[in-house]
Amino acid sequence: MIQFKQGTFRSLSKIGGAAMLVSLLGATALTAETQVPVNVVINQSPWLEGFAAVADLYKEETGNEVTLDVNPYAGSLEKQRNAVRSSESEYDLLIINGIFYPEMYHGGFLEPLKNIDPEFDLDAQVYEYGGTPWFNAETKSIGKDAGDLLTVPVNPNITLLFYRADLYEKNGWSAPTTFEELAAHARALKTDKMYGIAQRAGRATVSITWDFFPYIQGFGGSYFRDSDGGDYFVTINSEEGRAALQTYVDLATELGPENSANLTQGDLIQLLVTGKLAHTVLPAAAWAQMDDPNKSAVVGKIGYATLPSEAGNPSTPALGHWLGGIPKNIPDANKEAALAFLDWFQQPETQVHYAELGGAPVSAAAYESDFAELPENRYMQAMRVASPLAKGMWTIPEGAELAAVMELGLNRAVAGEISVVEALNSMAADLEKILADAGYETGRLPDLK
């Protein structure tokens, strides 16, 4: 069994299938050796049970021990920040959120994985998630050709469109590929008992900022001119941004609940599983609740698709994935043990079994497997399309400050406190100031009229 340290919400004991899978997996060169125990700090999340189950399988196969220190999201982040700044981290493996990983990268807290094993590389079938596993400390840029491999993806938390597939089938519709189709279908399905669509708009650490991102990208706009390339000229207040935010606001106010400006992710899931909602955007990990008869009144009725976009623009799911990184300030033996686990975890065979154990795989091997074709795993077919398209919002450590500005501005627009134009112009001015004060070359588009 996986051992859980203080901070654990519950133990996981139903991993009976794990032993049956052991004989099917071959140990890699790294995991064939006896390793010191690996101490992992991780967040409480819908995908925790699957991760714990596959970690149990690792112990059964190799005899090497893994301990999970499970915490709420904010608590896990705080423990990681403290650990990498101490004389020696108490954690050997950090499960880092894909929105706040730049803090770890820019701070130089993670050991480049090839420093631990020069032969190590990301498995060819693991999705690259916008190049986020690699970082160049000199140019401050991400990408496979940019610099050092610092992390291995462990969870593909990207956004998908969740919709009532049974009602689509009844009407002879295909999943919407444009925002016009989405709006038309949402209007057609809205009744006095069902909302056409609901979207997250309540303020949080990163909430509406993440959910709005696919809209602005889908209209051909962006938050910044080229964040991946390090160009943080502010472009949120473009004409494309205006069209995207107006669409977001209109869908919320015309077809969603009266309290649209306060909706959280949990609210969206509850509306969907109780049959009160025709469409929403959620992280892929929420699929597990849709067909759970103990939680859902719409078992077998929810379909999944990559997010809409305007003609000529690609669908852009928002990246909120999780990455496994190894801190510099631990003994070499602990680094080797953590990398041994990551290497085993990323192998194609492991990733298929990760899916079978209820986890969220990060490898095309799982999404292209026979397991993915089963009706109950239909979300995996959408993930197969969406995963290569996913994109992150920024690659700098000031992300929390940027998000705070956008959470406020976007929320106020949905609430009707300010107009779409006022929201975009005020956000652009505040974002430019944050970036300029932090020393970035920046600027912004002229105010929208």
Protein backbone atom coordinates (compact mmCIF):
# COMPACT_ATOMS: atom_id res chain seq x y z
CA MET A 1 0.00 0.00 0.00
CA ILE A 2 0.97 3.61 -0.56
CA GLN A 3 1.77 5.30 2.71
CA PHE A 4 0.05 8.60 3.44
CA LYS A 5 1.59 11.27 5.64
CA GLN A 6 -0.06 14.02 7.65
CA GLY A 7 -2.38 16.06 5.45
CA THR A 8 -4.04 13.01 3.91
CA PHE A 9 -7.81 13.23 3.53
CA ARG A 10 -8.34 9.48 3.30
CA SER A 11 -6.52 6.26 2.63
CA LEU A 12 -6.92 4.23 -0.54
CA SER A 13 -7.30 0.52 0.01
CA LYS A 14 -9.12 -0.81 -3.05
CA ILE A 15 -6.14 -1.40 -5.30
CA GLY A 16 -6.81 -5.11 -5.68
CA GLY A 17 -6.39 -5.05 -9.46
CA ALA A 18 -2.86 -3.75 -9.15
CA ALA A 19 -1.33 -7.10 -8.23
CA MET A 20 -2.91 -8.73 -11.28
CA LEU A 21 -1.17 -6.20 -13.52
CA VAL A 22 2.32 -6.64 -12.14
CA SER A 23 3.24 -9.57 -14.35
CA LEU A 24 2.27 -7.57 -17.43
CA LEU A 25 4.80 -4.81 -16.76
CA GLY A 26 8.51 -5.08 -17.32
CA ALA A 27 10.79 -3.09 -15.02
CA THR A 28 12.99 -0.47 -16.68
CA ALA A 29 16.71 -0.27 -16.01
CA LEU A 30 16.17 2.44 -13.42
CA THR A 31 13.38 0.73 -11.52
CA ALA A 32 15.10 -2.65 -11.54
CA GLU A 33 17.32 -1.39 -8.73
CA THR A 34 16.37 -1.02 -5.09
CA GLN A 35 15.69 2.66 -4.40
CA VAL A 36 15.31 4.71 -1.25
CA PRO A 37 11.70 5.66 -0.40
CA VAL A 38 10.23 8.53 -2.44
CA ASN A 39 8.32 11.22 -0.56
CA VAL A 40 5.79 13.00 -2.80
CA VAL A 41 3.81 16.17 -2.08
CA ILE A 42 0.57 16.19 -4.05
CA ASN A 43 -2.80 17.96 -4.10
CA GLN A 44 -6.20 16.53 -3.24
CA SER A 45 -7.97 16.23 -6.61
CA PRO A 46 -10.35 14.07 -8.67
CA TRP A 47 -7.35 12.22 -10.16
CA LEU A 48 -5.64 11.44 -6.84
CA GLU A 49 -7.05 7.92 -6.50
CA GLY A 50 -5.76 6.90 -9.92
CA PHE A 51 -2.30 8.30 -9.19
CA ALA A 52 -2.21 6.56 -5.82
CA ALA A 53 -3.27 3.29 -7.43
CA VAL A 54 -0.54 3.37 -10.05
CA ALA A 55 2.00 4.30 -7.38
CA ASP A 56 0.85 1.24 -5.43
CA LEU A 57 1.47 -0.81 -8.54
CA TYR A 58 5.01 0.58 -8.70
CA LYS A 59 5.70 -0.67 -5.20
CA GLU A 60 4.22 -4.10 -5.92
CA GLU A 61 6.33 -4.45 -9.03
CA THR A 62 9.64 -3.05 -7.80
CA GLY A 63 9.46 -3.19 -4.01
CA ASN A 64 10.32 0.52 -3.92
CA GLU A 65 8.23 2.61 -1.57
CA VAL A 66 6.29 5.78 -2.38
CA THR A 67 4.70 8.04 0.25
CA LEU A 68 2.07 10.63 -0.69
CA ASP A 69 1.62 13.76 1.40
CA VAL A 70 -1.85 14.87 0.29
CA ASN A 71 -3.01 18.46 0.81
CA PRO A 72 -5.56 20.96 -0.47
CA TYR A 73 -4.38 22.87 -3.53
CA ALA A 74 -3.10 25.94 -1.67
CA GLY A 75 -1.52 23.82 1.06
CA SER A 76 0.39 21.71 -1.43
CA LEU A 77 1.73 24.81 -3.19
CA GLU A 78 2.83 26.35 0.11
CA LYS A 79 4.61 23.16 1.19
CA GLN A 80 6.47 23.04 -2.11
CA ARG A 81 7.54 26.66 -1.81
CA ASN A 82 8.85 26.08 1.69
CA ALA A 83 10.57 22.81 0.78
CA VAL A 84 12.65 24.15 -2.11
CA ARG A 85 13.81 27.12 -0.05
CA SER A 86 14.91 25.07 2.95
CA SER A 87 18.39 23.65 3.47
CA GLU A 88 17.08 20.23 2.44
CA SER A 89 13.65 19.50 0.97
CA GLU A 90 11.57 16.96 2.85
CA TYR A 91 10.03 15.99 -0.51
CA ASP A 92 11.76 14.08 -3.29
CA LEU A 93 9.09 14.66 -5.92
CA LEU A 94 6.93 17.76 -6.32
CA ILE A 95 3.62 17.52 -8.18
CA ILE A 96 3.53 21.05 -9.60
CA ASN A 97 0.50 22.78 -11.09
CA GLY A 98 0.87 23.72 -14.76
CA ILE A 99 -0.14 27.30 -14.07
CA PHE A 100 2.41 28.01 -11.35
CA TYR A 101 5.34 25.88 -12.53
CA PRO A 102 7.19 29.05 -13.77
CA GLU A 103 7.91 29.92 -10.13
CA MET A 104 9.86 26.68 -9.75
CA TYR A 105 11.58 27.07 -13.12
CA HIS A 106 12.62 30.72 -12.81
CA GLY A 107 13.70 30.21 -9.22
CA GLY A 108 16.15 27.48 -10.27
CA PHE A 109 14.72 25.08 -7.68
CA LEU A 110 14.49 21.93 -9.84
CA GLU A 111 17.25 19.53 -10.83
CA PRO A 112 17.57 19.07 -14.61
CA LEU A 113 16.67 15.43 -15.09
CA LYS A 114 19.66 14.67 -17.32
CA ASN A 115 21.90 15.77 -14.45
CA ILE A 116 20.55 12.76 -12.56
CA ASP A 117 20.73 10.38 -15.51
CA PRO A 118 22.28 11.64 -18.81
CA GLU A 119 20.38 8.93 -20.70
CA PHE A 120 16.97 9.94 -19.41
CA ASP A 121 14.47 11.52 -21.79
CA LEU A 122 10.75 12.07 -22.04
CA ASP A 123 9.10 9.05 -23.61
CA ALA A 124 8.23 9.72 -27.25
CA GLN A 125 4.52 9.06 -26.66
CA VAL A 126 4.13 11.43 -23.71
CA TYR A 127 2.42 14.66 -24.77
CA GLU A 128 4.66 17.72 -24.56
CA TYR A 129 1.92 20.09 -23.35
CA GLY A 130 3.15 23.19 -25.08
CA GLY A 131 6.79 22.40 -24.37
CA THR A 132 6.34 23.03 -20.65
CA PRO A 133 8.63 20.21 -19.43
CA TRP A 134 11.67 22.08 -20.83
CA PHE A 135 13.11 25.43 -19.72
CA ASN A 136 16.06 27.61 -20.70
CA ALA A 137 17.28 29.48 -17.63
CA GLU A 138 19.12 32.09 -19.71
CA THR A 139 16.40 32.98 -22.21
CA LYS A 140 13.55 32.25 -19.77
CA SER A 141 11.74 30.33 -22.49
CA ILE A 142 10.08 26.93 -22.65
CA GLY A 143 10.10 24.28 -25.37
CA LYS A 144 11.88 21.09 -26.33
CA ASP A 145 14.59 22.99 -28.20
CA ALA A 146 14.88 25.67 -25.54
CA GLY A 147 16.79 24.11 -22.69
CA ASP A 148 16.84 21.55 -19.90
CA LEU A 149 14.22 18.86 -19.28
CA LEU A 150 13.03 19.74 -15.76
CA THR A 151 9.80 17.80 -15.33
CA VAL A 152 7.68 14.87 -16.50
CA PRO A 153 3.93 15.44 -17.03
CA VAL A 154 1.83 13.45 -14.54
CA ASN A 155 -1.71 14.71 -15.22
CA PRO A 156 -3.26 16.21 -18.37
CA ASN A 157 -5.71 18.61 -16.77
CA ILE A 158 -6.95 20.45 -19.85
CA THR A 159 -10.39 21.84 -20.58
CA LEU A 160 -13.00 19.96 -22.61
CA LEU A 161 -16.54 20.74 -23.67
CA PHE A 162 -18.99 18.57 -21.69
CA TYR A 163 -22.39 18.33 -23.38
CA ARG A 164 -25.60 16.28 -23.36
CA ALA A 165 -24.78 13.76 -26.09
CA ASP A 166 -28.17 12.08 -25.73
CA LEU A 167 -29.95 15.32 -26.64
CA TYR A 168 -27.54 15.92 -29.50
CA GLU A 169 -28.29 12.47 -30.85
CA LYS A 170 -32.02 13.11 -30.55
CA ASN A 171 -31.64 16.28 -32.63
CA GLY A 172 -29.22 14.77 -35.13
CA TRP A 173 -26.41 17.17 -34.18
CA SER A 174 -22.65 16.72 -34.11
CA ALA A 175 -20.55 18.26 -31.37
CA PRO A 176 -20.20 22.02 -31.98
CA THR A 177 -16.97 23.17 -33.60
CA THR A 178 -17.71 26.92 -33.64
CA PHE A 179 -19.01 29.32 -31.02
CA GLU A 180 -22.00 30.06 -33.25
CA GLU A 181 -22.95 26.38 -33.22
CA LEU A 182 -22.44 26.18 -29.48
CA ALA A 183 -24.68 29.21 -28.89
CA ALA A 184 -27.37 27.93 -31.29
CA HIS A 185 -27.50 24.51 -29.68
CA ALA A 186 -27.46 25.98 -26.18
CA ARG A 187 -30.42 28.21 -27.04
CA ALA A 188 -32.32 25.28 -28.55
CA LEU A 189 -31.81 23.12 -25.45
CA LYS A 190 -32.61 25.79 -22.87
CA THR A 191 -35.88 25.09 -21.06
CA ASP A 192 -37.43 26.11 -17.77
CA LYS A 193 -35.74 23.01 -16.26
CA MET A 194 -32.38 23.13 -18.04
CA TYR A 195 -29.82 25.85 -18.66
CA GLY A 196 -28.39 25.99 -22.16
CA ILE A 197 -24.86 26.55 -20.92
CA ALA A 198 -23.07 27.58 -17.72
CA GLN A 199 -19.53 28.82 -17.37
CA ARG A 200 -17.24 29.49 -14.46
CA ALA A 201 -17.05 33.16 -13.51
CA GLY A 202 -16.54 33.22 -9.75
CA ARG A 203 -13.24 34.71 -8.58
CA ALA A 204 -10.57 32.36 -7.28
CA THR A 205 -6.82 31.84 -7.59
CA VAL A 206 -7.26 30.99 -11.27
CA SER A 207 -10.85 30.40 -12.31
CA ILE A 208 -12.53 32.47 -15.01
CA THR A 209 -9.08 33.45 -16.32
CA TRP A 210 -8.44 29.81 -17.22
CA ASP A 211 -11.93 29.15 -18.58
CA PHE A 212 -12.00 32.30 -20.73
CA PHE A 213 -8.59 31.55 -22.27
CA PRO A 214 -9.95 29.09 -24.92
CA TYR A 215 -12.51 31.72 -25.93
CA ILE A 216 -10.02 34.50 -26.63
CA GLN A 217 -7.68 32.07 -28.36
CA GLY A 218 -10.58 30.61 -30.33
CA PHE A 219 -11.46 34.06 -31.66
CA GLY A 220 -7.85 34.56 -32.79
CA GLY A 221 -6.83 36.74 -29.85
CA SER A 222 -4.49 36.26 -26.90
CA TYR A 223 -3.65 37.61 -23.48
CA PHE A 224 -0.13 38.54 -24.63
CA ARG A 225 1.54 38.81 -28.03
CA ASP A 226 3.75 35.72 -27.65
CA SER A 227 4.05 34.50 -24.09
CA ASP A 228 5.78 31.24 -25.07
CA GLY A 229 8.47 33.26 -26.82
CA GLY A 230 8.82 35.71 -23.94
CA ASP A 231 6.93 38.62 -25.60
CA TYR A 232 4.59 40.03 -22.95
CA PHE A 233 3.16 42.94 -24.91
CA VAL A 234 -0.46 43.01 -23.66
CA THR A 235 -3.07 42.16 -26.29
CA ILE A 236 -6.11 41.19 -24.22
CA ASN A 237 -7.90 44.40 -25.30
CA SER A 238 -7.93 43.54 -29.01
CA GLU A 239 -11.00 43.38 -31.23
CA GLU A 240 -10.72 39.59 -30.96
CA GLY A 241 -10.69 39.96 -27.20
CA ARG A 242 -13.82 42.10 -27.39
CA ALA A 243 -15.65 39.48 -29.50
CA ALA A 244 -14.56 36.66 -27.18
CA LEU A 245 -15.57 38.36 -23.94
CA GLN A 246 -18.87 39.56 -25.38
CA THR A 247 -19.64 35.96 -26.38
CA TYR A 248 -18.67 34.70 -22.92
CA VAL A 249 -20.86 37.31 -21.22
CA ASP A 250 -23.81 36.79 -23.55
CA LEU A 251 -23.81 33.02 -23.08
CA ALA A 252 -23.63 33.45 -19.31
CA THR A 253 -26.37 36.05 -18.99
CA GLU A 254 -28.77 34.77 -21.65
CA LEU A 255 -28.49 31.01 -21.26
CA GLY A 256 -27.03 30.37 -17.81
CA PRO A 257 -28.17 30.66 -14.18
CA GLU A 258 -28.94 34.03 -12.66
CA ASN A 259 -25.89 33.68 -10.42
CA SER A 260 -23.51 33.12 -13.35
CA ALA A 261 -20.96 35.56 -11.95
CA ASN A 262 -20.56 33.40 -8.84
CA LEU A 263 -20.35 29.95 -10.41
CA THR A 264 -17.49 27.70 -9.34
CA GLN A 265 -16.23 24.49 -10.89
CA GLY A 266 -18.13 22.49 -8.28
CA ASP A 267 -21.34 24.31 -9.21
CA LEU A 268 -20.91 23.40 -12.88
CA ILE A 269 -20.37 19.73 -12.07
CA GLN A 270 -23.42 19.67 -9.79
CA LEU A 271 -25.64 21.28 -12.42
CA LEU A 272 -24.43 18.80 -15.02
CA VAL A 273 -24.79 15.59 -13.01
CA THR A 274 -28.28 16.59 -11.82
CA GLY A 275 -29.50 17.02 -15.40
CA LYS A 276 -29.94 20.79 -15.19
CA LEU A 277 -27.30 21.75 -17.74
CA ALA A 278 -26.81 21.11 -21.46
CA HIS A 279 -23.23 22.38 -21.92
CA THR A 280 -20.27 23.46 -19.84
CA VAL A 281 -16.49 23.64 -19.93
CA LEU A 282 -14.63 21.60 -17.32
CA PRO A 283 -11.19 20.08 -16.79
CA ALA A 284 -11.02 16.60 -18.26
CA ALA A 285 -10.64 15.04 -14.80
CA ALA A 286 -14.31 15.77 -14.07
CA TRP A 287 -15.35 12.97 -16.46
CA ALA A 288 -15.13 10.42 -13.64
CA GLN A 289 -18.20 11.85 -11.90
CA MET A 290 -20.42 11.85 -14.97
CA ASP A 291 -21.02 8.08 -15.11
CA ASP A 292 -20.88 7.42 -11.37
CA PRO A 293 -24.40 6.19 -10.47
CA ASN A 294 -23.86 7.34 -6.90
CA LYS A 295 -23.33 10.93 -8.04
CA SER A 296 -24.94 11.32 -11.44
CA ALA A 297 -28.45 11.33 -12.88
CA VAL A 298 -27.03 11.49 -16.43
CA VAL A 299 -25.02 8.26 -16.58
CA GLY A 300 -24.05 7.54 -20.18
CA LYS A 301 -25.57 10.81 -21.44
CA ILE A 302 -22.57 13.15 -21.36
CA GLY A 303 -20.38 13.62 -24.40
CA TYR A 304 -16.93 15.20 -24.61
CA ALA A 305 -15.31 17.30 -27.31
CA THR A 306 -12.46 19.70 -27.82
CA LEU A 307 -13.52 23.31 -27.41
CA PRO A 308 -15.07 25.37 -30.22
CA SER A 309 -13.25 28.09 -32.14
CA GLU A 310 -14.09 30.53 -34.89
CA ALA A 311 -13.48 29.43 -38.48
CA GLY A 312 -9.80 29.57 -39.33
CA ASN A 313 -8.59 29.39 -35.73
CA PRO A 314 -7.56 26.20 -33.94
CA SER A 315 -9.28 24.92 -30.84
CA THR A 316 -7.12 25.82 -27.83
CA PRO A 317 -7.86 23.90 -24.64
CA ALA A 318 -6.39 25.63 -21.59
CA LEU A 319 -3.49 23.87 -19.90
CA GLY A 320 -3.85 23.35 -16.18
CA HIS A 321 -1.81 20.15 -16.18
CA TRP A 322 0.50 18.86 -13.47
CA LEU A 323 4.23 18.19 -13.75
CA GLY A 324 6.53 16.05 -11.63
CA GLY A 325 9.77 17.82 -10.70
CA ILE A 326 12.71 16.87 -8.48
CA PRO A 327 14.11 19.54 -6.14
CA LYS A 328 17.81 20.30 -6.17
CA ASN A 329 18.17 20.35 -2.41
CA ILE A 330 17.89 16.61 -1.70
CA PRO A 331 20.55 13.85 -1.60
CA ASP A 332 21.59 12.20 -4.86
CA ALA A 333 20.07 8.88 -3.83
CA ASN A 334 16.68 10.54 -3.40
CA LYS A 335 16.97 12.21 -6.79
CA GLU A 336 17.73 8.87 -8.41
CA ALA A 337 14.78 7.22 -6.66
CA ALA A 338 12.38 9.97 -7.73
CA LEU A 339 13.56 9.75 -11.33
CA ALA A 340 13.24 5.97 -11.27
CA PHE A 341 9.58 6.36 -10.38
CA LEU A 342 9.00 9.01 -13.06
CA ASP A 343 10.71 6.85 -15.66
CA TRP A 344 8.54 3.87 -14.80
CA PHE A 345 5.44 6.06 -14.67
CA GLN A 346 5.90 7.47 -18.18
CA GLN A 347 6.34 4.11 -19.95
CA PRO A 348 3.57 3.22 -22.46
CA GLU A 349 2.57 0.04 -20.59
CA THR A 350 2.30 1.89 -17.31
CA GLN A 351 0.22 4.65 -18.88
CA VAL A 352 -2.31 2.15 -20.23
CA HIS A 353 -2.63 0.57 -16.79
CA TYR A 354 -2.82 4.03 -15.23
CA ALA A 355 -5.97 4.57 -17.30
CA GLU A 356 -7.32 1.15 -16.30
CA LEU A 357 -6.79 2.03 -12.65
CA GLY A 358 -8.85 5.21 -13.02
CA GLY A 359 -5.98 7.63 -13.58
CA ALA A 360 -5.58 10.36 -16.18
CA PRO A 361 -2.75 9.30 -18.50
CA VAL A 362 -0.32 11.68 -20.21
CA SER A 363 0.69 9.38 -23.07
CA ALA A 364 -0.75 8.83 -26.53
CA ALA A 365 -0.20 5.12 -25.85
CA ALA A 366 -3.19 5.18 -23.48
CA TYR A 367 -5.45 7.35 -25.60
CA GLU A 368 -4.83 5.23 -28.69
CA SER A 369 -5.30 1.93 -26.86
CA ASP A 370 -8.29 -0.42 -27.12
CA PHE A 371 -9.24 0.68 -23.61
CA ALA A 372 -9.90 4.20 -24.91
CA GLU A 373 -12.44 2.91 -27.41
CA LEU A 374 -14.78 1.51 -24.76
CA PRO A 375 -18.02 3.54 -24.46
CA GLU A 376 -17.40 4.25 -20.79
CA ASN A 377 -14.02 5.80 -21.68
CA ARG A 378 -15.32 8.08 -24.42
CA TYR A 379 -13.67 11.11 -22.80
CA MET A 380 -10.34 9.61 -23.89
CA GLN A 381 -11.32 9.99 -27.54
CA ALA A 382 -11.81 13.73 -27.01
CA MET A 383 -8.51 13.91 -25.13
CA ARG A 384 -6.75 12.25 -28.07
CA VAL A 385 -7.77 15.24 -30.20
CA ALA A 386 -7.43 17.95 -27.56
CA SER A 387 -4.11 17.06 -25.90
CA PRO A 388 -1.80 18.14 -28.76
CA LEU A 389 -3.73 21.44 -29.06
CA ALA A 390 -3.54 22.51 -25.41
CA LYS A 391 -1.72 25.74 -24.55
CA GLY A 392 -0.60 27.49 -21.39
CA MET A 393 -1.45 31.07 -20.47
CA TRP A 394 2.02 32.29 -19.41
CA THR A 395 5.52 31.13 -18.56
CA ILE A 396 6.60 33.70 -15.97
CA PRO A 397 6.46 33.59 -12.15
CA GLU A 398 4.23 36.68 -11.92
CA GLY A 399 1.30 34.53 -13.01
CA ALA A 400 -0.54 34.89 -9.70
CA GLU A 401 -0.51 38.69 -10.01
CA LEU A 402 -1.64 38.54 -13.62
CA ALA A 403 -4.45 36.15 -12.72
CA ALA A 404 -5.64 38.38 -9.87
CA VAL A 405 -6.16 41.25 -12.30
CA MET A 406 -8.02 39.09 -14.82
CA GLU A 407 -10.14 37.31 -12.22
CA LEU A 408 -11.48 40.68 -11.09
CA GLY A 409 -11.98 42.22 -14.52
CA LEU A 410 -13.59 39.21 -16.17
CA ASN A 411 -15.85 38.56 -13.18
CA ARG A 412 -17.08 42.16 -13.14
CA ALA A 413 -17.89 41.95 -16.86
CA VAL A 414 -19.99 38.81 -16.38
CA ALA A 415 -21.68 40.38 -13.35
CA GLY A 416 -22.59 43.44 -15.43
CA GLU A 417 -20.74 45.80 -13.10
CA ILE A 418 -18.68 47.17 -16.01
CA SER A 419 -18.90 46.85 -19.77
CA VAL A 420 -16.84 44.44 -21.85
CA VAL A 421 -14.78 47.34 -23.20
CA GLU A 422 -14.16 48.80 -19.73
CA ALA A 423 -13.07 45.39 -18.45
CA LEU A 424 -10.63 44.78 -21.27
CA ASN A 425 -9.09 48.25 -21.18
CA SER A 426 -8.68 48.29 -17.40
CA MET A 427 -7.17 44.80 -17.36
CA ALA A 428 -4.73 45.72 -20.13
CA ALA A 429 -3.52 48.77 -18.19
CA ASP A 430 -3.08 46.81 -14.96
CA LEU A 431 -1.33 43.90 -16.68
CA GLU A 432 1.09 46.27 -18.41
CA LYS A 433 1.96 47.91 -15.07
CA ILE A 434 2.64 44.59 -13.34
CA LEU A 435 4.92 43.46 -16.14
CA ALA A 436 6.73 46.79 -16.41
CA ASP A 437 7.28 46.93 -12.64
CA ALA A 438 8.73 43.41 -12.81
CA GLY A 439 11.22 44.52 -15.46
CA TYR A 440 9.72 43.02 -18.59
CA GLU A 441 9.68 44.73 -21.95
CA THR A 442 5.98 45.28 -22.45
CA GLY A 443 3.31 47.63 -23.70
CA ARG A 444 -0.34 47.34 -24.66
CA LEU A 445 -2.74 47.93 -27.47
CA PRO A 446 -4.58 51.25 -27.62
CA ASP A 447 -7.78 51.34 -25.60
CA LEU A 448 -10.85 49.93 -27.28
CA LYS A 449 -13.49 52.56 -28.05
